[in-house]
């Protein structure tokens, strides 16, 4: 899976606000932490979404970090972070690859 494919697939996983979370890689519909690859997972953080779609998402993670200018985990888990800001980070990373 290419970096671009990984970013698009991870973004699609968290495209709806109810499918994004903070503080854990993934959660069940009841909010319980689970593995990002669990069949019970219904929401993911940025990193969890990347891991769920690609077992080796390192390049995508690095690119996202460059786009947002900080740690992906810190960005995702910031207290005032919004779902729209997370999707925007994905969109900017995707655009940086599609523009090449």
C-alpha atoms as a PDB file:
ATOM      1  CA  UNK A   1       0.000   0.000   0.000  1.00  0.00           C
ATOM      2  CA  UNK A   2       1.420   3.377  -0.976  1.00  0.00           C
ATOM      3  CA  UNK A   3       1.627   6.341   1.379  1.00  0.00           C
ATOM      4  CA  UNK A   4      -1.142   8.058  -0.588  1.00  0.00           C
ATOM      5  CA  UNK A   5      -3.383   4.988  -0.399  1.00  0.00           C
ATOM      6  CA  UNK A   6      -2.701   4.696   3.348  1.00  0.00           C
ATOM      7  CA  UNK A   7      -3.605   8.321   3.975  1.00  0.00           C
ATOM      8  CA  UNK A   8      -6.802   8.116   1.934  1.00  0.00           C
ATOM      9  CA  UNK A   9      -7.903   4.864   3.580  1.00  0.00           C
ATOM     10  CA  UNK A  10      -7.164   6.113   7.116  1.00  0.00           C
ATOM     11  CA  UNK A  11      -9.003   9.375   6.415  1.00  0.00           C
ATOM     12  CA  UNK A  12     -12.002   7.410   5.160  1.00  0.00           C
ATOM     13  CA  UNK A  13     -12.016   5.380   8.399  1.00  0.00           C
ATOM     14  CA  UNK A  14     -12.468   8.518  10.487  1.00  0.00           C
ATOM     15  CA  UNK A  15     -14.428  10.619   7.979  1.00  0.00           C
ATOM     16  CA  UNK A  16     -17.443  10.822  10.292  1.00  0.00           C
ATOM     17  CA  UNK A  17     -17.013  12.463  13.716  1.00  0.00           C
ATOM     18  CA  UNK A  18     -18.333   9.399  15.547  1.00  0.00           C
ATOM     19  CA  UNK A  19     -15.476   7.370  14.029  1.00  0.00           C
ATOM     20  CA  UNK A  20     -12.685   9.530  15.486  1.00  0.00           C
ATOM     21  CA  UNK A  21     -11.333   9.319  19.023  1.00  0.00           C
ATOM     22  CA  UNK A  22      -8.642  10.739  21.245  1.00  0.00           C
ATOM     23  CA  UNK A  23      -6.464   9.188  23.944  1.00  0.00           C
ATOM     24  CA  UNK A  24      -6.550   5.634  22.539  1.00  0.00           C
ATOM     25  CA  UNK A  25      -5.711   4.083  19.202  1.00  0.00           C
ATOM     26  CA  UNK A  26      -9.232   2.652  18.923  1.00  0.00           C
ATOM     27  CA  UNK A  27     -12.452   2.275  20.872  1.00  0.00           C
ATOM     28  CA  UNK A  28     -15.647   0.273  20.716  1.00  0.00           C
ATOM     29  CA  UNK A  29     -19.037   1.900  20.218  1.00  0.00           C
ATOM     30  CA  UNK A  30     -19.232   1.994  24.024  1.00  0.00           C
ATOM     31  CA  UNK A  31     -15.947   3.890  24.334  1.00  0.00           C
ATOM     32  CA  UNK A  32     -13.877   0.968  25.582  1.00  0.00           C
ATOM     33  CA  UNK A  33     -10.256   0.841  24.342  1.00  0.00           C
ATOM     34  CA  UNK A  34      -9.462  -1.952  21.886  1.00  0.00           C
ATOM     35  CA  UNK A  35      -6.765  -2.778  19.361  1.00  0.00           C
ATOM     36  CA  UNK A  36      -6.969  -0.773  16.163  1.00  0.00           C
ATOM     37  CA  UNK A  37      -7.537  -4.041  14.281  1.00  0.00           C
ATOM     38  CA  UNK A  38     -10.246  -5.368  16.587  1.00  0.00           C
ATOM     39  CA  UNK A  39     -13.532  -6.258  14.952  1.00  0.00           C
ATOM     40  CA  UNK A  40     -15.145  -4.320  17.809  1.00  0.00           C
ATOM     41  CA  UNK A  41     -13.379  -1.056  16.924  1.00  0.00           C
ATOM     42  CA  UNK A  42     -15.705   1.655  15.659  1.00  0.00           C
ATOM     43  CA  UNK A  43     -13.533   4.739  16.122  1.00  0.00           C
ATOM     44  CA  UNK A  44      -9.832   5.453  15.781  1.00  0.00           C
ATOM     45  CA  UNK A  45      -7.304   8.201  16.428  1.00  0.00           C
ATOM     46  CA  UNK A  46      -5.038   9.250  13.553  1.00  0.00           C
ATOM     47  CA  UNK A  47      -2.398   6.657  14.429  1.00  0.00           C
ATOM     48  CA  UNK A  48      -4.974   3.925  15.044  1.00  0.00           C
ATOM     49  CA  UNK A  49      -6.601   4.595  11.681  1.00  0.00           C
ATOM     50  CA  UNK A  50      -3.219   4.417   9.943  1.00  0.00           C
ATOM     51  CA  UNK A  51      -2.361   1.131  11.684  1.00  0.00           C
ATOM     52  CA  UNK A  52      -5.791  -0.293  10.903  1.00  0.00           C
ATOM     53  CA  UNK A  53      -5.345   0.196   7.169  1.00  0.00           C
ATOM     54  CA  UNK A  54      -1.626  -0.490   6.823  1.00  0.00           C
ATOM     55  CA  UNK A  55       0.620  -2.604   9.071  1.00  0.00           C
ATOM     56  CA  UNK A  56       3.580  -0.346   8.212  1.00  0.00           C
ATOM     57  CA  UNK A  57       2.293   3.246   8.170  1.00  0.00           C
ATOM     58  CA  UNK A  58       5.581   4.912   9.082  1.00  0.00           C
ATOM     59  CA  UNK A  59       5.987   7.055   5.974  1.00  0.00           C
ATOM     60  CA  UNK A  60       2.388   8.264   6.193  1.00  0.00           C
ATOM     61  CA  UNK A  61       2.891   9.114   9.855  1.00  0.00           C
ATOM     62  CA  UNK A  62       6.076  11.038   9.102  1.00  0.00           C
ATOM     63  CA  UNK A  63       4.381  12.986   6.313  1.00  0.00           C
ATOM     64  CA  UNK A  64       1.427  13.874   8.549  1.00  0.00           C
ATOM     65  CA  UNK A  65       3.842  15.046  11.241  1.00  0.00           C
ATOM     66  CA  UNK A  66       5.588  17.321   8.739  1.00  0.00           C
ATOM     67  CA  UNK A  67       2.284  18.714   7.485  1.00  0.00           C
ATOM     68  CA  UNK A  68       0.984  19.522  10.977  1.00  0.00           C
ATOM     69  CA  UNK A  69       4.360  20.570  12.362  1.00  0.00           C
ATOM     70  CA  UNK A  70       4.255  18.463  15.501  1.00  0.00           C
ATOM     71  CA  UNK A  71       3.833  14.955  16.857  1.00  0.00           C
ATOM     72  CA  UNK A  72       0.817  13.262  15.296  1.00  0.00           C
ATOM     73  CA  UNK A  73      -0.220  11.863  18.667  1.00  0.00           C
ATOM     74  CA  UNK A  74       0.036  15.259  20.397  1.00  0.00           C
ATOM     75  CA  UNK A  75      -1.916  16.856  17.570  1.00  0.00           C
ATOM     76  CA  UNK A  76      -4.686  14.244  17.675  1.00  0.00           C
ATOM     77  CA  UNK A  77      -4.965  14.272  21.464  1.00  0.00           C
ATOM     78  CA  UNK A  78      -4.838  18.038  22.034  1.00  0.00           C
ATOM     79  CA  UNK A  79      -7.691  19.006  24.349  1.00  0.00           C
ATOM     80  CA  UNK A  80      -9.249  21.507  21.953  1.00  0.00           C
ATOM     81  CA  UNK A  81      -8.581  19.530  18.744  1.00  0.00           C
ATOM     82  CA  UNK A  82     -11.556  19.218  16.413  1.00  0.00           C
ATOM     83  CA  UNK A  83     -12.506  16.469  14.021  1.00  0.00           C
ATOM     84  CA  UNK A  84     -12.442  19.006  11.173  1.00  0.00           C
ATOM     85  CA  UNK A  85      -8.817  19.893  11.998  1.00  0.00           C
ATOM     86  CA  UNK A  86      -7.843  16.225  11.890  1.00  0.00           C
ATOM     87  CA  UNK A  87      -9.482  15.743   8.502  1.00  0.00           C
ATOM     88  CA  UNK A  88      -7.802  18.914   7.277  1.00  0.00           C
ATOM     89  CA  UNK A  89      -4.410  17.489   8.261  1.00  0.00           C
ATOM     90  CA  UNK A  90      -5.133  14.382   6.207  1.00  0.00           C
ATOM     91  CA  UNK A  91      -6.326  16.531   3.303  1.00  0.00           C
ATOM     92  CA  UNK A  92      -3.131  18.607   3.333  1.00  0.00           C
ATOM     93  CA  UNK A  93      -0.945  15.504   3.448  1.00  0.00           C
ATOM     94  CA  UNK A  94      -2.911  13.908   0.607  1.00  0.00           C
ATOM     95  CA  UNK A  95      -2.723  17.105  -1.453  1.00  0.00           C
ATOM     96  CA  UNK A  96       1.040  17.287  -0.935  1.00  0.00           C
ATOM     97  CA  UNK A  97       1.376  13.899  -2.628  1.00  0.00           C
ATOM     98  CA  UNK A  98      -1.193  14.435  -5.333  1.00  0.00           C
ATOM     99  CA  UNK A  99       0.429  17.737  -6.266  1.00  0.00           C
ATOM    100  CA  UNK A 100       3.667  16.018  -7.227  1.00  0.00           C
END
